[in-house]
C-alpha atoms as a PDB file:
ATOM      1  CA  MET A   1      -6.435   7.578  28.138  1.00  0.00           C
ATOM      2  CA  ASN A   2      -8.914   9.905  26.457  1.00  0.00           C
ATOM      3  CA  ALA A   3      -8.405  11.020  22.835  1.00  0.00           C
ATOM      4  CA  LYS A   4      -7.517  14.628  23.716  1.00  0.00           C
ATOM      5  CA  ARG A   5      -4.847  13.615  26.235  1.00  0.00           C
ATOM      6  CA  ALA A   6      -3.419  11.098  23.727  1.00  0.00           C
ATOM      7  CA  LYS A   7      -3.051  13.862  21.123  1.00  0.00           C
ATOM      8  CA  TYR A   8      -1.824  16.451  23.621  1.00  0.00           C
ATOM      9  CA  PRO A   9       0.174  14.778  26.431  1.00  0.00           C
ATOM     10  CA  GLN A  10       0.053  16.394  29.878  1.00  0.00           C
ATOM     11  CA  LEU A  11       3.788  17.004  29.937  1.00  0.00           C
ATOM     12  CA  ARG A  12       5.647  18.365  26.907  1.00  0.00           C
ATOM     13  CA  PHE A  13       8.677  20.396  25.965  1.00  0.00           C
ATOM     14  CA  PRO A  14       7.344  23.960  25.548  1.00  0.00           C
ATOM     15  CA  GLU A  15       8.442  24.422  21.918  1.00  0.00           C
ATOM     16  CA  PHE A  16       6.155  21.629  20.677  1.00  0.00           C
ATOM     17  CA  THR A  17       2.430  22.225  20.304  1.00  0.00           C
ATOM     18  CA  ASP A  18       1.320  20.081  17.350  1.00  0.00           C
ATOM     19  CA  PRO A  19      -0.988  17.159  18.140  1.00  0.00           C
ATOM     20  CA  TRP A  20       0.382  13.609  18.275  1.00  0.00           C
ATOM     21  CA  GLU A  21      -0.959  11.210  15.652  1.00  0.00           C
ATOM     22  CA  GLN A  22      -1.974   7.579  15.884  1.00  0.00           C
ATOM     23  CA  ARG A  23       0.076   5.422  13.510  1.00  0.00           C
ATOM     24  CA  LYS A  24       0.796   1.735  13.097  1.00  0.00           C
ATOM     25  CA  LEU A  25       4.284   0.605  14.126  1.00  0.00           C
ATOM     26  CA  GLY A  26       4.763  -0.930  10.668  1.00  0.00           C
ATOM     27  CA  GLU A  27       4.226   2.486   9.039  1.00  0.00           C
ATOM     28  CA  LEU A  28       7.184   3.904  10.981  1.00  0.00           C
ATOM     29  CA  SER A  29       9.550   0.926  10.906  1.00  0.00           C
ATOM     30  CA  ASN A  30      10.308  -2.491   9.456  1.00  0.00           C
ATOM     31  CA  ILE A  31       9.751  -5.450  11.765  1.00  0.00           C
ATOM     32  CA  VAL A  32      12.439  -8.057  11.112  1.00  0.00           C
ATOM     33  CA  GLY A  33      12.608 -11.610  12.436  1.00  0.00           C
ATOM     34  CA  GLY A  34      15.762 -13.675  12.945  1.00  0.00           C
ATOM     35  CA  GLY A  35      17.133 -17.099  12.235  1.00  0.00           C
ATOM     36  CA  THR A  36      19.592 -19.764  13.348  1.00  0.00           C
ATOM     37  CA  PRO A  37      22.150 -21.422  11.051  1.00  0.00           C
ATOM     38  CA  SER A  38      22.507 -25.189  11.451  1.00  0.00           C
ATOM     39  CA  THR A  39      24.405 -25.826  14.680  1.00  0.00           C
ATOM     40  CA  SER A  40      25.882 -29.025  13.209  1.00  0.00           C
ATOM     41  CA  ASN A  41      27.884 -27.115  10.593  1.00  0.00           C
ATOM     42  CA  PRO A  42      30.985 -25.432  12.089  1.00  0.00           C
ATOM     43  CA  GLU A  43      31.432 -23.329   8.919  1.00  0.00           C
ATOM     44  CA  TYR A  44      28.413 -21.274   9.978  1.00  0.00           C
ATOM     45  CA  TRP A  45      29.706 -20.302  13.429  1.00  0.00           C
ATOM     46  CA  ASP A  46      32.421 -18.233  15.163  1.00  0.00           C
ATOM     47  CA  GLY A  47      32.603 -15.654  12.402  1.00  0.00           C
ATOM     48  CA  ASP A  48      32.577 -11.840  12.430  1.00  0.00           C
ATOM     49  CA  ILE A  49      28.799 -11.295  12.603  1.00  0.00           C
ATOM     50  CA  ASP A  50      27.182 -10.766  16.006  1.00  0.00           C
ATOM     51  CA  TRP A  51      24.189 -13.044  16.647  1.00  0.00           C
ATOM     52  CA  TYR A  52      21.955 -12.417  19.671  1.00  0.00           C
ATOM     53  CA  ALA A  53      19.745 -14.761  21.687  1.00  0.00           C
ATOM     54  CA  PRO A  54      16.871 -13.445  23.875  1.00  0.00           C
ATOM     55  CA  ALA A  55      18.669 -14.282  27.144  1.00  0.00           C
ATOM     56  CA  GLU A  56      21.257 -11.577  26.337  1.00  0.00           C
ATOM     57  CA  ILE A  57      18.655  -8.802  26.184  1.00  0.00           C
ATOM     58  CA  GLY A  58      17.129  -6.725  28.957  1.00  0.00           C
ATOM     59  CA  GLU A  59      20.010  -5.732  31.230  1.00  0.00           C
ATOM     60  CA  GLN A  60      21.233  -2.673  29.330  1.00  0.00           C
ATOM     61  CA  SER A  61      19.950  -0.042  26.912  1.00  0.00           C
ATOM     62  CA  TYR A  62      22.601  -0.645  24.244  1.00  0.00           C
ATOM     63  CA  VAL A  63      24.260  -3.873  23.099  1.00  0.00           C
ATOM     64  CA  SER A  64      27.316  -4.129  20.867  1.00  0.00           C
ATOM     65  CA  LYS A  65      28.802  -7.594  21.484  1.00  0.00           C
ATOM     66  CA  SER A  66      26.928 -10.903  21.409  1.00  0.00           C
ATOM     67  CA  LYS A  67      27.998 -14.141  23.081  1.00  0.00           C
ATOM     68  CA  LYS A  68      27.873 -16.106  19.823  1.00  0.00           C
ATOM     69  CA  THR A  69      28.797 -15.077  16.277  1.00  0.00           C
ATOM     70  CA  ILE A  70      28.048 -16.432  12.820  1.00  0.00           C
ATOM     71  CA  THR A  71      29.893 -16.372   9.479  1.00  0.00           C
ATOM     72  CA  GLU A  72      28.832 -14.870   6.125  1.00  0.00           C
ATOM     73  CA  LEU A  73      28.000 -18.399   4.997  1.00  0.00           C
ATOM     74  CA  GLY A  74      25.902 -18.972   8.142  1.00  0.00           C
ATOM     75  CA  LEU A  75      24.035 -15.754   7.359  1.00  0.00           C
ATOM     76  CA  LYS A  76      23.324 -16.877   3.773  1.00  0.00           C
ATOM     77  CA  LYS A  77      22.204 -20.342   4.862  1.00  0.00           C
ATOM     78  CA  SER A  78      19.686 -19.128   7.451  1.00  0.00           C
ATOM     79  CA  SER A  79      16.831 -16.659   7.768  1.00  0.00           C
ATOM     80  CA  ALA A  80      18.970 -14.371   9.963  1.00  0.00           C
ATOM     81  CA  ARG A  81      19.195 -10.795   8.670  1.00  0.00           C
ATOM     82  CA  ILE A  82      21.752  -8.047   9.245  1.00  0.00           C
ATOM     83  CA  LEU A  83      20.136  -5.347  11.390  1.00  0.00           C
ATOM     84  CA  PRO A  84      21.512  -1.787  11.302  1.00  0.00           C
ATOM     85  CA  VAL A  85      22.763   0.328  14.210  1.00  0.00           C
ATOM     86  CA  GLY A  86      19.758   1.867  15.985  1.00  0.00           C
ATOM     87  CA  THR A  87      17.555  -1.219  15.594  1.00  0.00           C
ATOM     88  CA  VAL A  88      15.488  -1.920  18.704  1.00  0.00           C
ATOM     89  CA  LEU A  89      15.796  -5.650  19.429  1.00  0.00           C
ATOM     90  CA  PHE A  90      12.470  -6.974  20.738  1.00  0.00           C
ATOM     91  CA  THR A  91      12.134 -10.484  22.183  1.00  0.00           C
ATOM     92  CA  SER A  92       8.993 -12.075  20.780  1.00  0.00           C
ATOM     93  CA  ARG A  93       8.697 -15.355  22.702  1.00  0.00           C
ATOM     94  CA  ALA A  94       8.108 -16.349  26.327  1.00  0.00           C
ATOM     95  CA  GLY A  95       9.774 -13.474  28.074  1.00  0.00           C
ATOM     96  CA  ILE A  96       8.138 -11.224  25.465  1.00  0.00           C
ATOM     97  CA  GLY A  97       9.159  -7.590  25.365  1.00  0.00           C
ATOM     98  CA  ASN A  98      12.770  -7.366  26.486  1.00  0.00           C
ATOM     99  CA  THR A  99      14.468  -4.677  24.436  1.00  0.00           C
ATOM    100  CA  ALA A 100      17.866  -3.199  23.651  1.00  0.00           C
ATOM    101  CA  ILE A 101      19.216  -0.842  20.995  1.00  0.00           C
ATOM    102  CA  LEU A 102      21.917  -2.093  18.645  1.00  0.00           C
ATOM    103  CA  GLY A 103      25.131  -0.099  18.982  1.00  0.00           C
ATOM    104  CA  LYS A 104      26.719  -2.189  16.206  1.00  0.00           C
ATOM    105  CA  GLU A 105      25.048  -4.010  13.323  1.00  0.00           C
ATOM    106  CA  ALA A 106      24.140  -7.605  14.133  1.00  0.00           C
ATOM    107  CA  THR A 107      21.755 -10.511  13.603  1.00  0.00           C
ATOM    108  CA  THR A 108      19.437 -12.397  15.969  1.00  0.00           C
ATOM    109  CA  ASN A 109      17.898 -15.826  16.327  1.00  0.00           C
ATOM    110  CA  GLN A 110      14.185 -16.385  15.662  1.00  0.00           C
ATOM    111  CA  GLY A 111      13.174 -15.338  19.175  1.00  0.00           C
ATOM    112  CA  PHE A 112      12.966 -11.704  18.056  1.00  0.00           C
ATOM    113  CA  GLN A 113      10.768  -9.347  16.057  1.00  0.00           C
ATOM    114  CA  SER A 114      13.158  -6.404  15.882  1.00  0.00           C
ATOM    115  CA  ILE A 115      12.104  -2.845  15.121  1.00  0.00           C
ATOM    116  CA  VAL A 116      14.189  -1.129  12.422  1.00  0.00           C
ATOM    117  CA  PRO A 117      13.054   2.522  12.563  1.00  0.00           C
ATOM    118  CA  ASP A 118      12.537   4.547   9.394  1.00  0.00           C
ATOM    119  CA  GLN A 119      15.042   7.298  10.233  1.00  0.00           C
ATOM    120  CA  ASN A 120      12.735   9.966   8.808  1.00  0.00           C
ATOM    121  CA  LYS A 121       9.776   8.846  10.909  1.00  0.00           C
ATOM    122  CA  LEU A 122      10.869   7.176  14.157  1.00  0.00           C
ATOM    123  CA  ASP A 123      13.597   7.828  16.724  1.00  0.00           C
ATOM    124  CA  SER A 124      15.268   4.714  18.192  1.00  0.00           C
ATOM    125  CA  TYR A 125      15.422   5.893  21.805  1.00  0.00           C
ATOM    126  CA  PHE A 126      11.865   7.271  21.634  1.00  0.00           C
ATOM    127  CA  ILE A 127      10.469   3.843  20.723  1.00  0.00           C
ATOM    128  CA  TYR A 128      12.864   2.083  23.124  1.00  0.00           C
ATOM    129  CA  SER A 129      11.487   4.310  25.918  1.00  0.00           C
ATOM    130  CA  ARG A 130       8.066   2.832  25.226  1.00  0.00           C
ATOM    131  CA  THR A 131       9.191  -0.725  25.975  1.00  0.00           C
ATOM    132  CA  ASN A 132       6.339  -1.211  28.475  1.00  0.00           C
ATOM    133  CA  GLU A 133       3.725  -0.471  25.786  1.00  0.00           C
ATOM    134  CA  LEU A 134       5.473  -2.770  23.295  1.00  0.00           C
ATOM    135  CA  LYS A 135       5.668  -5.521  25.910  1.00  0.00           C
ATOM    136  CA  ARG A 136       2.014  -5.173  26.910  1.00  0.00           C
ATOM    137  CA  TYR A 137       0.886  -5.279  23.268  1.00  0.00           C
ATOM    138  CA  GLY A 138       3.084  -8.319  22.570  1.00  0.00           C
ATOM    139  CA  GLU A 139       1.773 -10.209  25.588  1.00  0.00           C
ATOM    140  CA  VAL A 140      -1.886  -9.488  24.794  1.00  0.00           C
ATOM    141  CA  THR A 141      -1.544 -10.174  21.062  1.00  0.00           C
ATOM    142  CA  GLY A 142       0.830 -13.130  21.194  1.00  0.00           C
ATOM    143  CA  ALA A 143      -0.601 -16.606  20.849  1.00  0.00           C
ATOM    144  CA  GLY A 144       0.668 -20.171  20.858  1.00  0.00           C
ATOM    145  CA  SER A 145      -0.320 -23.530  22.290  1.00  0.00           C
ATOM    146  CA  THR A 146       3.033 -24.418  23.872  1.00  0.00           C
ATOM    147  CA  PHE A 147       4.417 -20.931  24.360  1.00  0.00           C
ATOM    148  CA  VAL A 148       3.298 -17.381  23.749  1.00  0.00           C
ATOM    149  CA  GLU A 149       4.800 -15.731  20.675  1.00  0.00           C
ATOM    150  CA  VAL A 150       4.023 -12.517  18.824  1.00  0.00           C
ATOM    151  CA  SER A 151       4.580 -12.363  15.060  1.00  0.00           C
ATOM    152  CA  GLY A 152       6.130  -9.567  13.011  1.00  0.00           C
ATOM    153  CA  LYS A 153       2.799  -9.091  11.242  1.00  0.00           C
ATOM    154  CA  GLN A 154       1.066  -8.550  14.600  1.00  0.00           C
ATOM    155  CA  MET A 155       3.767  -6.122  15.788  1.00  0.00           C
ATOM    156  CA  SER A 156       3.421  -4.138  12.535  1.00  0.00           C
ATOM    157  CA  LYS A 157      -0.256  -3.558  13.343  1.00  0.00           C
ATOM    158  CA  MET A 158       0.428  -2.109  16.811  1.00  0.00           C
ATOM    159  CA  PRO A 159      -1.284   1.311  17.123  1.00  0.00           C
ATOM    160  CA  ILE A 160       0.969   3.958  18.650  1.00  0.00           C
ATOM    161  CA  MET A 161       0.635   7.702  19.296  1.00  0.00           C
ATOM    162  CA  VAL A 162       3.629   9.646  17.973  1.00  0.00           C
ATOM    163  CA  PRO A 163       4.659  13.291  17.568  1.00  0.00           C
ATOM    164  CA  GLU A 164       6.789  14.700  14.748  1.00  0.00           C
ATOM    165  CA  LEU A 165      10.378  13.416  14.559  1.00  0.00           C
ATOM    166  CA  SER A 166      12.057  16.440  16.204  1.00  0.00           C
ATOM    167  CA  GLU A 167       9.840  16.051  19.297  1.00  0.00           C
ATOM    168  CA  GLN A 168      10.535  12.302  19.357  1.00  0.00           C
ATOM    169  CA  GLN A 169      14.279  13.016  19.276  1.00  0.00           C
ATOM    170  CA  GLN A 170      14.060  15.450  22.176  1.00  0.00           C
ATOM    171  CA  ILE A 171      11.987  12.988  24.235  1.00  0.00           C
ATOM    172  CA  GLY A 172      14.431  10.199  23.341  1.00  0.00           C
ATOM    173  CA  SER A 173      17.427  12.318  24.440  1.00  0.00           C
ATOM    174  CA  PHE A 174      15.689  13.184  27.715  1.00  0.00           C
ATOM    175  CA  PHE A 175      15.078   9.521  28.608  1.00  0.00           C
ATOM    176  CA  LYS A 176      18.541   8.479  27.416  1.00  0.00           C
ATOM    177  CA  GLN A 177      20.103  10.988  29.844  1.00  0.00           C
ATOM    178  CA  LEU A 178      17.830   9.753  32.635  1.00  0.00           C
ATOM    179  CA  ASP A 179      18.687   6.090  31.923  1.00  0.00           C
ATOM    180  CA  ASN A 180      22.415   6.928  31.913  1.00  0.00           C
ATOM    181  CA  THR A 181      22.058   8.621  35.319  1.00  0.00           C
ATOM    182  CA  ILE A 182      20.157   5.624  36.714  1.00  0.00           C
ATOM    183  CA  ALA A 183      22.861   3.234  35.411  1.00  0.00           C
ATOM    184  CA  LEU A 184      25.605   5.378  36.965  1.00  0.00           C
ATOM    185  CA  HIS A 185      23.893   5.380  40.375  1.00  0.00           C
ATOM    186  CA  GLN A 186      23.217   1.641  40.048  1.00  0.00           C
ATOM    187  CA  ARG A 187      26.942   0.994  39.597  1.00  0.00           C
ATOM    188  CA  LYS A 188      27.763   3.206  42.604  1.00  0.00           C
ATOM    189  CA  LEU A 189      25.163   1.347  44.689  1.00  0.00           C
ATOM    190  CA  GLU A 190      26.603  -2.042  43.689  1.00  0.00           C
ATOM    191  CA  LYS A 191      30.120  -0.894  44.678  1.00  0.00           C
ATOM    192  CA  LEU A 192      28.861   0.309  48.065  1.00  0.00           C
ATOM    193  CA  GLN A 193      27.054  -3.002  48.633  1.00  0.00           C
ATOM    194  CA  GLU A 194      30.277  -4.899  47.848  1.00  0.00           C
ATOM    195  CA  LEU A 195      32.181  -2.612  50.216  1.00  0.00           C
ATOM    196  CA  LYS A 196      29.647  -3.249  52.982  1.00  0.00           C
ATOM    197  CA  LYS A 197      29.842  -7.007  52.362  1.00  0.00           C
ATOM    198  CA  GLY A 198      33.634  -6.844  52.715  1.00  0.00           C
ATOM    199  CA  TYR A 199      33.421  -4.909  55.994  1.00  0.00           C
ATOM    200  CA  LEU A 200      30.837  -7.345  57.403  1.00  0.00           C
ATOM    201  CA  GLN A 201      33.015 -10.339  56.570  1.00  0.00           C
ATOM    202  CA  LYS A 202      36.119  -8.788  58.142  1.00  0.00           C
ATOM    203  CA  MET A 203      34.430  -7.366  61.244  1.00  0.00           C
ATOM    204  CA  PHE A 204      32.174 -10.281  62.144  1.00  0.00           C
ATOM    205  CA  CYS A 205      34.029 -13.331  60.817  1.00  0.00           C
END
């Protein structure tokens, strides 16, 4: 992409004319890793705090209930951190770049480098919509002898072109609406496929 096109995208909402700027992801957000309390101590588990593993991420835009939970004590005794609503969870190990937005505050294991947007600088759905760029950067930058992993420090350095916040919010809303429509049609398609399967079984059994 040439510099002019990067500053002035081909397609824009008409009310925005200011050039986009190149920033580092770490200037617009905090990148936060996760942690796992000792699995041998039952006092750390089955509490009120959601705790996500990478396998739970990637199927939907928003997540608000994890499979496992930890206690306040488990939180204190590990490197897990409470992440606010609007955080973009980003898987940082093999299977790099699966993302989801937190609909409820939660924690993660160490297989994440999650993006906590500065609310005055970065819109959650805007950065979530750029999952492919985040994934590509993570895959290229990540390193490791046994498995590929990208660090929080590396993610913080990621260069990204961004407009002012109000334009980000409008772009984010546009893609959110589009994703919702896709999900709705996906559910309808799945129901029709189940219906067809039922007819086939009953007509040709």
